[in-house]
Amino acid sequence: MLGEWLNQVFSHPDLLGALAIAGKTALIYVFLVLGLRVLGKRELGQMTIYDLVLIIVLANSVQNAMVGSDTTLVGGLVAALTLLLINKLLTVLLVRYPTLERTMVGEPLLIVKDGQVLPAPMKREGISREAVMAALREHGIGQLADARMCVLEVDGTISVVPKDATVHRTRRHFRALRVS
C-alpha cells in the first residue's frame, strides 16, 4: 500500500514529456504576458471583479494546455519551474534592455494637465473620468481644476500632483510624460 502511494506521488513523465511540458508552458507564458500587456495599464492597477475572474479562468484554461493529461507531481513541478525561470529571464532582460522594458512595461502617461483631462491618452488606456476623479479624492483633491497633473503610472495607479505643488522634472520625466 505504501509502495503504491509512493509510486503515485513520485511518478513522472519521461524526458520528452517533461520537455514538451516546459516548451508549452514557456509559449503560454509569453502569450499571456503579451496579451495582458495589450490590455493596457488600467487592467493591472485597477483590477475589477471581472478582471479577477478573467485571471482565474485564464489560469484554468491554460493549465491543461501546459501539462496535458500529465497529472504527475513532476509534471506540475516542471511547469512551475519553467514559469519561474522564464519570469526570471524576462526580469533580467527588462533590466538589461531599457527599450524592451519600455515596450513591455510601458512609461508613465500624462492624463491630466493643468486641471484639464487629456482625452486621447485616457481613451487609449481605458481610463474613465470617474477613475481620475476617484484618484483625485484619494489624494485629497476635490476638483479637477486643483490638479496640476495626473499621471497614469506603469503599474496602473494614478498619481496626482496638486496645483500648488512644486514639480522637479528630469529629462527622462519630460520624455515619459509626453502627451501622445
N, C-alpha and C. Protein backbone atom coordinates (compact mmCIF):
# COMPACT_ATOMS: atom_id res chain seq x y z
N MET A 1 0.83 -1.19 0.00
CA MET A 1 0.00 0.00 0.00
C MET A 1 0.88 1.27 0.00
N LEU A 2 1.86 1.31 0.87
CA LEU A 2 2.77 2.46 0.91
C LEU A 2 3.56 2.56 -0.38
N GLY A 3 3.96 1.42 -0.93
CA GLY A 3 4.70 1.40 -2.19
C GLY A 3 3.87 1.95 -3.34
N GLU A 4 2.57 1.61 -3.39
CA GLU A 4 1.69 2.14 -4.43
C GLU A 4 1.56 3.65 -4.30
N TRP A 5 1.39 4.08 -3.06
CA TRP A 5 1.22 5.52 -2.81
C TRP A 5 2.48 6.28 -3.23
N LEU A 6 3.64 5.78 -2.84
CA LEU A 6 4.90 6.43 -3.21
C LEU A 6 5.09 6.43 -4.73
N ASN A 7 4.69 5.35 -5.38
CA ASN A 7 4.79 5.26 -6.83
C ASN A 7 3.90 6.30 -7.49
N GLN A 8 2.68 6.49 -6.94
CA GLN A 8 1.78 7.50 -7.50
C GLN A 8 2.33 8.91 -7.30
N VAL A 9 2.83 9.19 -6.10
CA VAL A 9 3.33 10.53 -5.79
C VAL A 9 4.55 10.87 -6.64
N PHE A 10 5.44 9.92 -6.80
CA PHE A 10 6.70 10.21 -7.47
C PHE A 10 6.77 9.71 -8.91
N SER A 11 5.63 9.37 -9.49
CA SER A 11 5.65 9.01 -10.91
C SER A 11 5.98 10.27 -11.70
N HIS A 12 6.47 10.11 -12.89
CA HIS A 12 6.92 11.28 -13.64
C HIS A 12 6.82 11.02 -15.14
N PRO A 13 6.77 12.12 -15.89
CA PRO A 13 6.79 11.96 -17.34
C PRO A 13 8.21 11.58 -17.78
N ASP A 14 8.31 11.00 -18.96
CA ASP A 14 9.64 10.72 -19.49
C ASP A 14 10.29 12.04 -19.89
N LEU A 15 11.54 12.01 -20.27
CA LEU A 15 12.28 13.23 -20.59
C LEU A 15 11.61 14.02 -21.71
N LEU A 16 11.17 13.32 -22.75
CA LEU A 16 10.49 14.00 -23.86
C LEU A 16 9.19 14.66 -23.39
N GLY A 17 8.45 13.98 -22.52
CA GLY A 17 7.22 14.55 -21.97
C GLY A 17 7.50 15.78 -21.12
N ALA A 18 8.57 15.73 -20.33
CA ALA A 18 8.94 16.88 -19.49
C ALA A 18 9.34 18.07 -20.36
N LEU A 19 10.09 17.81 -21.43
CA LEU A 19 10.49 18.89 -22.34
C LEU A 19 9.27 19.49 -23.05
N ALA A 20 8.31 18.64 -23.40
CA ALA A 20 7.09 19.14 -24.02
C ALA A 20 6.32 20.04 -23.06
N ILE A 21 6.24 19.64 -21.80
CA ILE A 21 5.57 20.47 -20.79
C ILE A 21 6.29 21.80 -20.66
N ALA A 22 7.61 21.77 -20.59
CA ALA A 22 8.39 23.01 -20.45
C ALA A 22 8.19 23.92 -21.66
N GLY A 23 8.21 23.35 -22.86
CA GLY A 23 8.04 24.16 -24.07
C GLY A 23 6.65 24.78 -24.15
N LYS A 24 5.62 23.99 -23.88
CA LYS A 24 4.25 24.52 -23.93
C LYS A 24 4.04 25.58 -22.86
N THR A 25 4.61 25.35 -21.68
CA THR A 25 4.48 26.32 -20.59
C THR A 25 5.14 27.64 -20.97
N ALA A 26 6.32 27.58 -21.57
CA ALA A 26 7.03 28.79 -21.97
C ALA A 26 6.24 29.56 -23.03
N LEU A 27 5.69 28.86 -24.01
CA LEU A 27 4.89 29.53 -25.04
C LEU A 27 3.65 30.20 -24.46
N ILE A 28 2.99 29.53 -23.55
CA ILE A 28 1.79 30.09 -22.93
C ILE A 28 2.15 31.31 -22.09
N TYR A 29 3.26 31.24 -21.37
CA TYR A 29 3.71 32.39 -20.58
C TYR A 29 3.91 33.62 -21.46
N VAL A 30 4.65 33.45 -22.53
CA VAL A 30 4.92 34.56 -23.45
C VAL A 30 3.61 35.10 -24.03
N PHE A 31 2.73 34.21 -24.45
CA PHE A 31 1.44 34.61 -25.00
C PHE A 31 0.64 35.42 -23.99
N LEU A 32 0.57 34.96 -22.74
CA LEU A 32 -0.21 35.67 -21.73
C LEU A 32 0.41 37.01 -21.35
N VAL A 33 1.73 37.07 -21.26
CA VAL A 33 2.39 38.35 -20.94
C VAL A 33 2.09 39.36 -22.03
N LEU A 34 2.23 38.95 -23.28
CA LEU A 34 1.95 39.87 -24.39
C LEU A 34 0.46 40.24 -24.42
N GLY A 35 -0.40 39.27 -24.22
CA GLY A 35 -1.84 39.53 -24.22
C GLY A 35 -2.26 40.47 -23.12
N LEU A 36 -1.74 40.28 -21.92
CA LEU A 36 -2.09 41.17 -20.82
C LEU A 36 -1.50 42.56 -21.03
N ARG A 37 -0.34 42.64 -21.68
CA ARG A 37 0.26 43.95 -21.98
C ARG A 37 -0.61 44.73 -22.95
N VAL A 38 -1.18 44.04 -23.93
CA VAL A 38 -2.04 44.69 -24.92
C VAL A 38 -3.29 45.27 -24.26
N LEU A 39 -3.75 44.64 -23.17
CA LEU A 39 -4.96 45.12 -22.50
C LEU A 39 -4.79 46.52 -21.91
N GLY A 40 -3.59 46.91 -21.60
CA GLY A 40 -3.36 48.26 -21.10
C GLY A 40 -3.07 48.29 -19.62
N LYS A 41 -2.63 49.46 -19.16
CA LYS A 41 -2.22 49.63 -17.77
C LYS A 41 -3.37 49.57 -16.79
N ARG A 42 -4.54 50.02 -17.19
CA ARG A 42 -5.67 50.04 -16.28
C ARG A 42 -5.95 48.66 -15.72
N GLU A 43 -5.81 47.66 -16.57
CA GLU A 43 -6.11 46.30 -16.15
C GLU A 43 -5.21 45.85 -15.01
N LEU A 44 -3.98 46.34 -14.96
CA LEU A 44 -3.05 45.89 -13.95
C LEU A 44 -3.25 46.58 -12.62
N GLY A 45 -3.47 47.88 -12.63
CA GLY A 45 -3.53 48.62 -11.39
C GLY A 45 -4.91 48.75 -10.79
N GLN A 46 -5.95 48.58 -11.57
CA GLN A 46 -7.30 48.79 -11.07
C GLN A 46 -8.15 47.58 -11.42
N MET A 47 -7.79 46.44 -10.85
CA MET A 47 -8.46 45.19 -11.17
C MET A 47 -9.89 45.20 -10.62
N THR A 48 -10.82 44.86 -11.47
CA THR A 48 -12.21 44.73 -11.07
C THR A 48 -12.53 43.26 -10.86
N ILE A 49 -13.74 42.97 -10.43
CA ILE A 49 -14.13 41.59 -10.20
C ILE A 49 -14.08 40.78 -11.50
N TYR A 50 -14.49 41.39 -12.61
CA TYR A 50 -14.44 40.64 -13.86
C TYR A 50 -13.02 40.44 -14.36
N ASP A 51 -12.09 41.34 -13.99
CA ASP A 51 -10.68 41.13 -14.31
C ASP A 51 -10.14 39.94 -13.51
N LEU A 52 -10.53 39.84 -12.24
CA LEU A 52 -10.11 38.72 -11.40
C LEU A 52 -10.65 37.41 -11.96
N VAL A 53 -11.91 37.41 -12.37
CA VAL A 53 -12.50 36.21 -12.98
C VAL A 53 -11.72 35.85 -14.23
N LEU A 54 -11.35 36.83 -15.04
CA LEU A 54 -10.57 36.57 -16.25
C LEU A 54 -9.26 35.87 -15.90
N ILE A 55 -8.56 36.36 -14.89
CA ILE A 55 -7.27 35.77 -14.50
C ILE A 55 -7.48 34.33 -14.03
N ILE A 56 -8.51 34.08 -13.24
CA ILE A 56 -8.77 32.72 -12.75
C ILE A 56 -9.11 31.79 -13.90
N VAL A 57 -9.98 32.24 -14.80
CA VAL A 57 -10.38 31.41 -15.93
C VAL A 57 -9.20 31.19 -16.87
N LEU A 58 -8.37 32.21 -17.08
CA LEU A 58 -7.16 32.04 -17.89
C LEU A 58 -6.26 30.96 -17.30
N ALA A 59 -6.05 31.03 -15.99
CA ALA A 59 -5.19 30.05 -15.33
C ALA A 59 -5.73 28.63 -15.53
N ASN A 60 -7.02 28.49 -15.37
CA ASN A 60 -7.62 27.17 -15.53
C ASN A 60 -7.57 26.70 -16.98
N SER A 61 -7.80 27.61 -17.91
CA SER A 61 -7.83 27.21 -19.31
C SER A 61 -6.46 26.83 -19.85
N VAL A 62 -5.41 27.47 -19.38
CA VAL A 62 -4.08 27.17 -19.91
C VAL A 62 -3.40 26.03 -19.17
N GLN A 63 -3.91 25.67 -18.00
CA GLN A 63 -3.30 24.58 -17.23
C GLN A 63 -3.27 23.29 -18.03
N ASN A 64 -4.37 22.94 -18.64
CA ASN A 64 -4.41 21.71 -19.44
C ASN A 64 -3.51 21.81 -20.66
N ALA A 65 -3.42 22.99 -21.24
CA ALA A 65 -2.55 23.16 -22.41
C ALA A 65 -1.08 23.01 -22.02
N MET A 66 -0.73 23.37 -20.79
CA MET A 66 0.66 23.28 -20.37
C MET A 66 1.06 21.84 -20.05
N VAL A 67 0.25 21.12 -19.28
CA VAL A 67 0.66 19.79 -18.84
C VAL A 67 -0.09 18.67 -19.53
N GLY A 68 -1.13 19.00 -20.28
CA GLY A 68 -1.89 17.98 -20.98
C GLY A 68 -2.52 16.99 -20.02
N SER A 69 -2.41 15.74 -20.34
CA SER A 69 -3.01 14.72 -19.48
C SER A 69 -2.07 14.29 -18.36
N ASP A 70 -0.90 14.90 -18.29
CA ASP A 70 0.07 14.55 -17.26
C ASP A 70 -0.37 15.17 -15.93
N THR A 71 -0.73 14.33 -14.99
CA THR A 71 -1.16 14.83 -13.68
C THR A 71 -0.14 14.47 -12.60
N THR A 72 1.07 14.18 -13.02
CA THR A 72 2.09 13.78 -12.05
C THR A 72 2.65 15.00 -11.32
N LEU A 73 3.18 14.73 -10.15
CA LEU A 73 3.84 15.78 -9.37
C LEU A 73 5.00 16.39 -10.15
N VAL A 74 5.79 15.56 -10.76
CA VAL A 74 6.95 16.04 -11.52
C VAL A 74 6.49 16.90 -12.70
N GLY A 75 5.42 16.50 -13.38
CA GLY A 75 4.91 17.30 -14.48
C GLY A 75 4.51 18.70 -14.01
N GLY A 76 3.83 18.77 -12.86
CA GLY A 76 3.46 20.07 -12.28
C GLY A 76 4.68 20.88 -11.88
N LEU A 77 5.67 20.19 -11.32
CA LEU A 77 6.90 20.89 -10.93
C LEU A 77 7.67 21.40 -12.14
N VAL A 78 7.67 20.64 -13.23
CA VAL A 78 8.33 21.09 -14.46
C VAL A 78 7.65 22.36 -14.97
N ALA A 79 6.31 22.38 -14.98
CA ALA A 79 5.58 23.58 -15.42
C ALA A 79 5.88 24.76 -14.51
N ALA A 80 5.86 24.54 -13.19
CA ALA A 80 6.12 25.62 -12.24
C ALA A 80 7.55 26.15 -12.38
N LEU A 81 8.50 25.23 -12.49
CA LEU A 81 9.90 25.64 -12.64
C LEU A 81 10.09 26.42 -13.93
N THR A 82 9.44 25.99 -15.00
CA THR A 82 9.54 26.70 -16.28
C THR A 82 9.00 28.12 -16.12
N LEU A 83 7.86 28.27 -15.46
CA LEU A 83 7.29 29.60 -15.25
C LEU A 83 8.22 30.48 -14.42
N LEU A 84 8.79 29.92 -13.36
CA LEU A 84 9.70 30.70 -12.53
C LEU A 84 10.95 31.12 -13.30
N LEU A 85 11.52 30.20 -14.06
CA LEU A 85 12.74 30.50 -14.81
C LEU A 85 12.50 31.52 -15.92
N ILE A 86 11.40 31.36 -16.65
CA ILE A 86 11.14 32.30 -17.75
C ILE A 86 10.80 33.68 -17.19
N ASN A 87 10.15 33.72 -16.03
CA ASN A 87 9.87 35.01 -15.39
C ASN A 87 11.17 35.68 -14.95
N LYS A 88 12.09 34.91 -14.40
CA LYS A 88 13.40 35.45 -14.01
C LYS A 88 14.16 35.95 -15.24
N LEU A 89 14.12 35.18 -16.31
CA LEU A 89 14.78 35.58 -17.56
C LEU A 89 14.19 36.89 -18.08
N LEU A 90 12.88 37.00 -18.06
CA LEU A 90 12.24 38.24 -18.52
C LEU A 90 12.66 39.42 -17.66
N THR A 91 12.73 39.22 -16.35
CA THR A 91 13.16 40.29 -15.44
C THR A 91 14.59 40.73 -15.77
N VAL A 92 15.47 39.78 -16.00
CA VAL A 92 16.87 40.10 -16.35
C VAL A 92 16.92 40.87 -17.67
N LEU A 93 16.15 40.42 -18.65
CA LEU A 93 16.13 41.09 -19.95
C LEU A 93 15.58 42.52 -19.84
N LEU A 94 14.56 42.72 -19.02
CA LEU A 94 13.99 44.05 -18.85
C LEU A 94 14.99 45.01 -18.22
N VAL A 95 15.79 44.51 -17.28
CA VAL A 95 16.81 45.35 -16.65
C VAL A 95 17.92 45.66 -17.64
N ARG A 96 18.31 44.68 -18.42
CA ARG A 96 19.44 44.83 -19.35
C ARG A 96 19.11 45.68 -20.57
N TYR A 97 17.86 45.60 -21.04
CA TYR A 97 17.47 46.29 -22.26
C TYR A 97 16.33 47.28 -21.98
N PRO A 98 16.66 48.55 -21.74
CA PRO A 98 15.65 49.55 -21.42
C PRO A 98 14.56 49.69 -22.49
N THR A 99 14.91 49.48 -23.74
CA THR A 99 13.90 49.58 -24.81
C THR A 99 12.86 48.47 -24.65
N LEU A 100 13.31 47.28 -24.33
CA LEU A 100 12.38 46.18 -24.08
C LEU A 100 11.50 46.49 -22.88
N GLU A 101 12.10 47.08 -21.84
CA GLU A 101 11.32 47.44 -20.66
C GLU A 101 10.24 48.46 -21.01
N ARG A 102 10.61 49.49 -21.79
CA ARG A 102 9.60 50.49 -22.18
C ARG A 102 8.49 49.86 -23.01
N THR A 103 8.85 48.89 -23.86
CA THR A 103 7.85 48.22 -24.69
C THR A 103 6.93 47.34 -23.86
N MET A 104 7.51 46.55 -22.97
CA MET A 104 6.72 45.59 -22.19
C MET A 104 6.04 46.22 -20.98
N VAL A 105 6.75 47.07 -20.26
CA VAL A 105 6.22 47.64 -19.03
C VAL A 105 5.50 48.96 -19.32
N GLY A 106 6.00 49.69 -20.28
CA GLY A 106 5.41 50.98 -20.62
C GLY A 106 6.10 52.12 -19.90
N GLU A 107 5.55 53.30 -20.08
CA GLU A 107 6.07 54.50 -19.44
C GLU A 107 4.91 55.24 -18.80
N PRO A 108 5.21 56.07 -17.80
CA PRO A 108 4.13 56.88 -17.23
C PRO A 108 3.50 57.74 -18.32
N LEU A 109 2.20 57.99 -18.20
CA LEU A 109 1.47 58.70 -19.23
C LEU A 109 0.66 59.83 -18.61
N LEU A 110 0.86 61.03 -19.09
CA LEU A 110 0.12 62.19 -18.60
C LEU A 110 -1.33 62.09 -19.07
N ILE A 111 -2.28 62.17 -18.11
CA ILE A 111 -3.70 62.09 -18.48
C ILE A 111 -4.48 63.33 -18.07
N VAL A 112 -3.89 64.15 -17.18
CA VAL A 112 -4.47 65.44 -16.82
C VAL A 112 -3.34 66.45 -16.74
N LYS A 113 -3.54 67.59 -17.38
CA LYS A 113 -2.53 68.66 -17.36
C LYS A 113 -3.23 69.96 -17.03
N ASP A 114 -2.75 70.64 -15.98
CA ASP A 114 -3.28 71.93 -15.55
C ASP A 114 -4.81 71.89 -15.41
N GLY A 115 -5.30 70.85 -14.76
CA GLY A 115 -6.73 70.75 -14.48
C GLY A 115 -7.60 70.31 -15.64
N GLN A 116 -6.99 69.98 -16.78
CA GLN A 116 -7.76 69.58 -17.96
C GLN A 116 -7.44 68.12 -18.30
N VAL A 117 -8.49 67.31 -18.49
CA VAL A 117 -8.26 65.92 -18.88
C VAL A 117 -7.74 65.90 -20.32
N LEU A 118 -6.90 64.93 -20.59
CA LEU A 118 -6.37 64.72 -21.93
C LEU A 118 -7.08 63.48 -22.49
N PRO A 119 -8.11 63.67 -23.29
CA PRO A 119 -8.97 62.56 -23.69
C PRO A 119 -8.28 61.46 -24.51
N ALA A 120 -7.34 61.81 -25.37
CA ALA A 120 -6.71 60.79 -26.23
C ALA A 120 -5.97 59.72 -25.41
N PRO A 121 -5.05 60.10 -24.51
CA PRO A 121 -4.37 59.05 -23.74
C PRO A 121 -5.32 58.30 -22.80
N MET A 122 -6.32 59.00 -22.26
CA MET A 122 -7.29 58.33 -21.39
C MET A 122 -8.07 57.28 -22.16
N LYS A 123 -8.50 57.62 -23.35
CA LYS A 123 -9.27 56.68 -24.16
C LYS A 123 -8.41 55.48 -24.55
N ARG A 124 -7.18 55.75 -24.96
CA ARG A 124 -6.27 54.67 -25.40
C ARG A 124 -6.01 53.68 -24.27
N GLU A 125 -5.92 54.17 -23.04
CA GLU A 125 -5.61 53.30 -21.90
C GLU A 125 -6.86 52.81 -21.16
N GLY A 126 -8.04 53.25 -21.60
CA GLY A 126 -9.27 52.79 -20.97
C GLY A 126 -9.53 53.41 -19.61
N ILE A 127 -9.11 54.64 -19.41
CA ILE A 127 -9.31 55.34 -18.15
C ILE A 127 -10.52 56.25 -18.27
N SER A 128 -11.44 56.13 -17.34
CA SER A 128 -12.63 56.98 -17.35
C SER A 128 -12.40 58.23 -16.52
N ARG A 129 -13.22 59.22 -16.76
CA ARG A 129 -13.17 60.44 -15.96
C ARG A 129 -13.45 60.12 -14.49
N GLU A 130 -14.35 59.16 -14.26
CA GLU A 130 -14.68 58.76 -12.89
C GLU A 130 -13.46 58.19 -12.17
N ALA A 131 -12.62 57.43 -12.89
CA ALA A 131 -11.40 56.88 -12.29
C ALA A 131 -10.45 58.01 -11.91
N VAL A 132 -10.35 59.02 -12.75
CA VAL A 132 -9.49 60.17 -12.44
C VAL A 132 -10.04 60.91 -11.21
N MET A 133 -11.34 61.10 -11.16
CA MET A 133 -11.94 61.80 -10.02
C MET A 133 -11.74 61.00 -8.73
N ALA A 134 -11.81 59.68 -8.81
CA ALA A 134 -11.56 58.84 -7.63
C ALA A 134 -10.11 59.02 -7.17
N ALA A 135 -9.17 59.06 -8.11
CA ALA A 135 -7.77 59.27 -7.76
C ALA A 135 -7.57 60.63 -7.11
N LEU A 136 -8.25 61.65 -7.63
CA LEU A 136 -8.15 62.98 -7.03
C LEU A 136 -8.64 62.94 -5.59
N ARG A 137 -9.80 62.30 -5.35
CA ARG A 137 -10.33 62.22 -4.00
C ARG A 137 -9.38 61.46 -3.07
N GLU A 138 -8.76 60.40 -3.58
CA GLU A 138 -7.80 59.64 -2.78
C GLU A 138 -6.62 60.50 -2.35
N HIS A 139 -6.31 61.52 -3.15
CA HIS A 139 -5.20 62.42 -2.84
C HIS A 139 -5.67 63.70 -2.16
N GLY A 140 -6.93 63.74 -1.74
CA GLY A 140 -7.44 64.89 -1.00
C GLY A 140 -7.77 66.08 -1.86
N ILE A 141 -8.01 65.85 -3.14
CA ILE A 141 -8.34 66.95 -4.06
C ILE A 141 -9.77 66.75 -4.52
N GLY A 142 -10.58 67.82 -4.38
CA GLY A 142 -12.00 67.70 -4.70
C GLY A 142 -12.37 68.07 -6.12
N GLN A 143 -11.54 68.88 -6.78
CA GLN A 143 -11.89 69.35 -8.12
C GLN A 143 -10.73 69.12 -9.08
N LEU A 144 -11.09 68.85 -10.30
CA LEU A 144 -10.10 68.65 -11.35
C LEU A 144 -9.21 69.89 -11.52
N ALA A 145 -9.80 71.05 -11.37
CA ALA A 145 -9.06 72.30 -11.54
C ALA A 145 -7.93 72.46 -10.53
N ASP A 146 -8.00 71.71 -9.41
CA ASP A 146 -6.97 71.80 -8.38
C ASP A 146 -5.80 70.85 -8.61
N ALA A 147 -5.78 70.17 -9.76
CA ALA A 147 -4.69 69.24 -10.08
C ALA A 147 -3.79 69.84 -11.14
N ARG A 148 -2.50 69.89 -10.83
CA ARG A 148 -1.53 70.33 -11.84
C ARG A 148 -1.42 69.26 -12.91
N MET A 149 -1.30 67.99 -12.45
CA MET A 149 -1.25 66.89 -13.41
C MET A 149 -1.63 65.59 -12.72
N CYS A 150 -2.11 64.68 -13.54
CA CYS A 150 -2.36 63.29 -13.13
C CYS A 150 -1.60 62.42 -14.11
N VAL A 151 -0.93 61.42 -13.56
CA VAL A 151 -0.09 60.56 -14.36
C VAL A 151 -0.54 59.11 -14.17
N LEU A 152 -0.80 58.43 -15.27
CA LEU A 152 -1.07 57.00 -15.21
C LEU A 152 0.29 56.31 -15.14
N GLU A 153 0.57 55.71 -14.00
CA GLU A 153 1.87 55.07 -13.79
C GLU A 153 1.90 53.71 -14.49
N VAL A 154 3.08 53.14 -14.61
CA VAL A 154 3.22 51.87 -15.32
C VAL A 154 2.51 50.73 -14.61
N ASP A 155 2.27 50.85 -13.31
CA ASP A 155 1.57 49.79 -12.58
C ASP A 155 0.05 49.97 -12.61
N GLY A 156 -0.43 51.01 -13.32
CA GLY A 156 -1.86 51.22 -13.46
C GLY A 156 -2.44 52.19 -12.44
N THR A 157 -1.66 52.61 -11.46
CA THR A 157 -2.16 53.59 -10.50
C THR A 157 -2.10 54.99 -11.11
N ILE A 158 -2.87 55.88 -10.52
CA ILE A 158 -2.88 57.26 -10.99
C ILE A 158 -2.26 58.13 -9.90
N SER A 159 -1.15 58.78 -10.25
CA SER A 159 -0.50 59.73 -9.35
C SER A 159 -1.08 61.12 -9.63
N VAL A 160 -1.23 61.89 -8.56
CA VAL A 160 -1.81 63.22 -8.68
C VAL A 160 -0.85 64.23 -8.07
N VAL A 161 -0.60 65.30 -8.81
CA VAL A 161 0.21 66.40 -8.31
C VAL A 161 -0.72 67.60 -8.17
N PRO A 162 -0.89 68.10 -6.93
CA PRO A 162 -1.77 69.25 -6.73
C PRO A 162 -1.25 70.49 -7.44
N LYS A 163 -2.16 71.40 -7.72
CA LYS A 163 -1.82 72.64 -8.44
C LYS A 163 -0.72 73.42 -7.74
N ASP A 164 -0.73 73.44 -6.41
CA ASP A 164 0.23 74.26 -5.67
C ASP A 164 1.54 73.54 -5.34
N ALA A 165 1.73 72.32 -5.82
CA ALA A 165 2.95 71.56 -5.53
C ALA A 165 4.08 71.98 -6.47
N THR A 166 5.30 71.86 -5.97
CA THR A 166 6.48 72.10 -6.79
C THR A 166 6.86 70.79 -7.46
N VAL A 167 7.10 70.85 -8.75
CA VAL A 167 7.47 69.65 -9.50
C VAL A 167 8.88 69.81 -10.02
N HIS A 168 9.72 68.84 -9.71
CA HIS A 168 11.09 68.83 -10.22
C HIS A 168 11.13 67.83 -11.36
N ARG A 169 11.52 68.28 -12.52
CA ARG A 169 11.49 67.43 -13.71
C ARG A 169 12.89 67.08 -14.17
N THR A 170 13.03 65.86 -14.62
CA THR A 170 14.28 65.41 -15.22
C THR A 170 14.04 65.24 -16.71
N ARG A 171 15.10 65.04 -17.45
CA ARG A 171 14.95 64.84 -18.89
C ARG A 171 14.08 63.61 -19.17
N ARG A 172 14.34 62.51 -18.45
CA ARG A 172 13.52 61.30 -18.64
C ARG A 172 12.07 61.59 -18.28
N HIS A 173 11.86 62.41 -17.26
CA HIS A 173 10.50 62.76 -16.84
C HIS A 173 9.75 63.44 -17.98
N PHE A 174 10.41 64.37 -18.67
CA PHE A 174 9.75 65.05 -19.79
C PHE A 174 9.40 64.05 -20.88
N ARG A 175 10.32 63.13 -21.22
CA ARG A 175 10.04 62.16 -22.26
C ARG A 175 8.91 61.24 -21.86
N ALA A 176 8.94 60.77 -20.62
CA ALA A 176 7.93 59.82 -20.16
C ALA A 176 6.55 60.45 -20.07
N LEU A 177 6.48 61.73 -19.83
CA LEU A 177 5.18 62.38 -19.66
C LEU A 177 4.74 63.14 -20.89
N ARG A 178 5.23 62.72 -22.02
CA ARG A 178 4.81 63.36 -23.26
C ARG A 178 3.32 63.07 -23.49
N VAL A 179 2.67 63.98 -24.11
CA VAL A 179 1.27 63.81 -24.46
C VAL A 179 1.24 63.18 -25.84
N SER A 180 0.68 61.97 -25.91
CA SER A 180 0.66 61.30 -27.21
C SER A 180 -0.74 60.91 -27.58
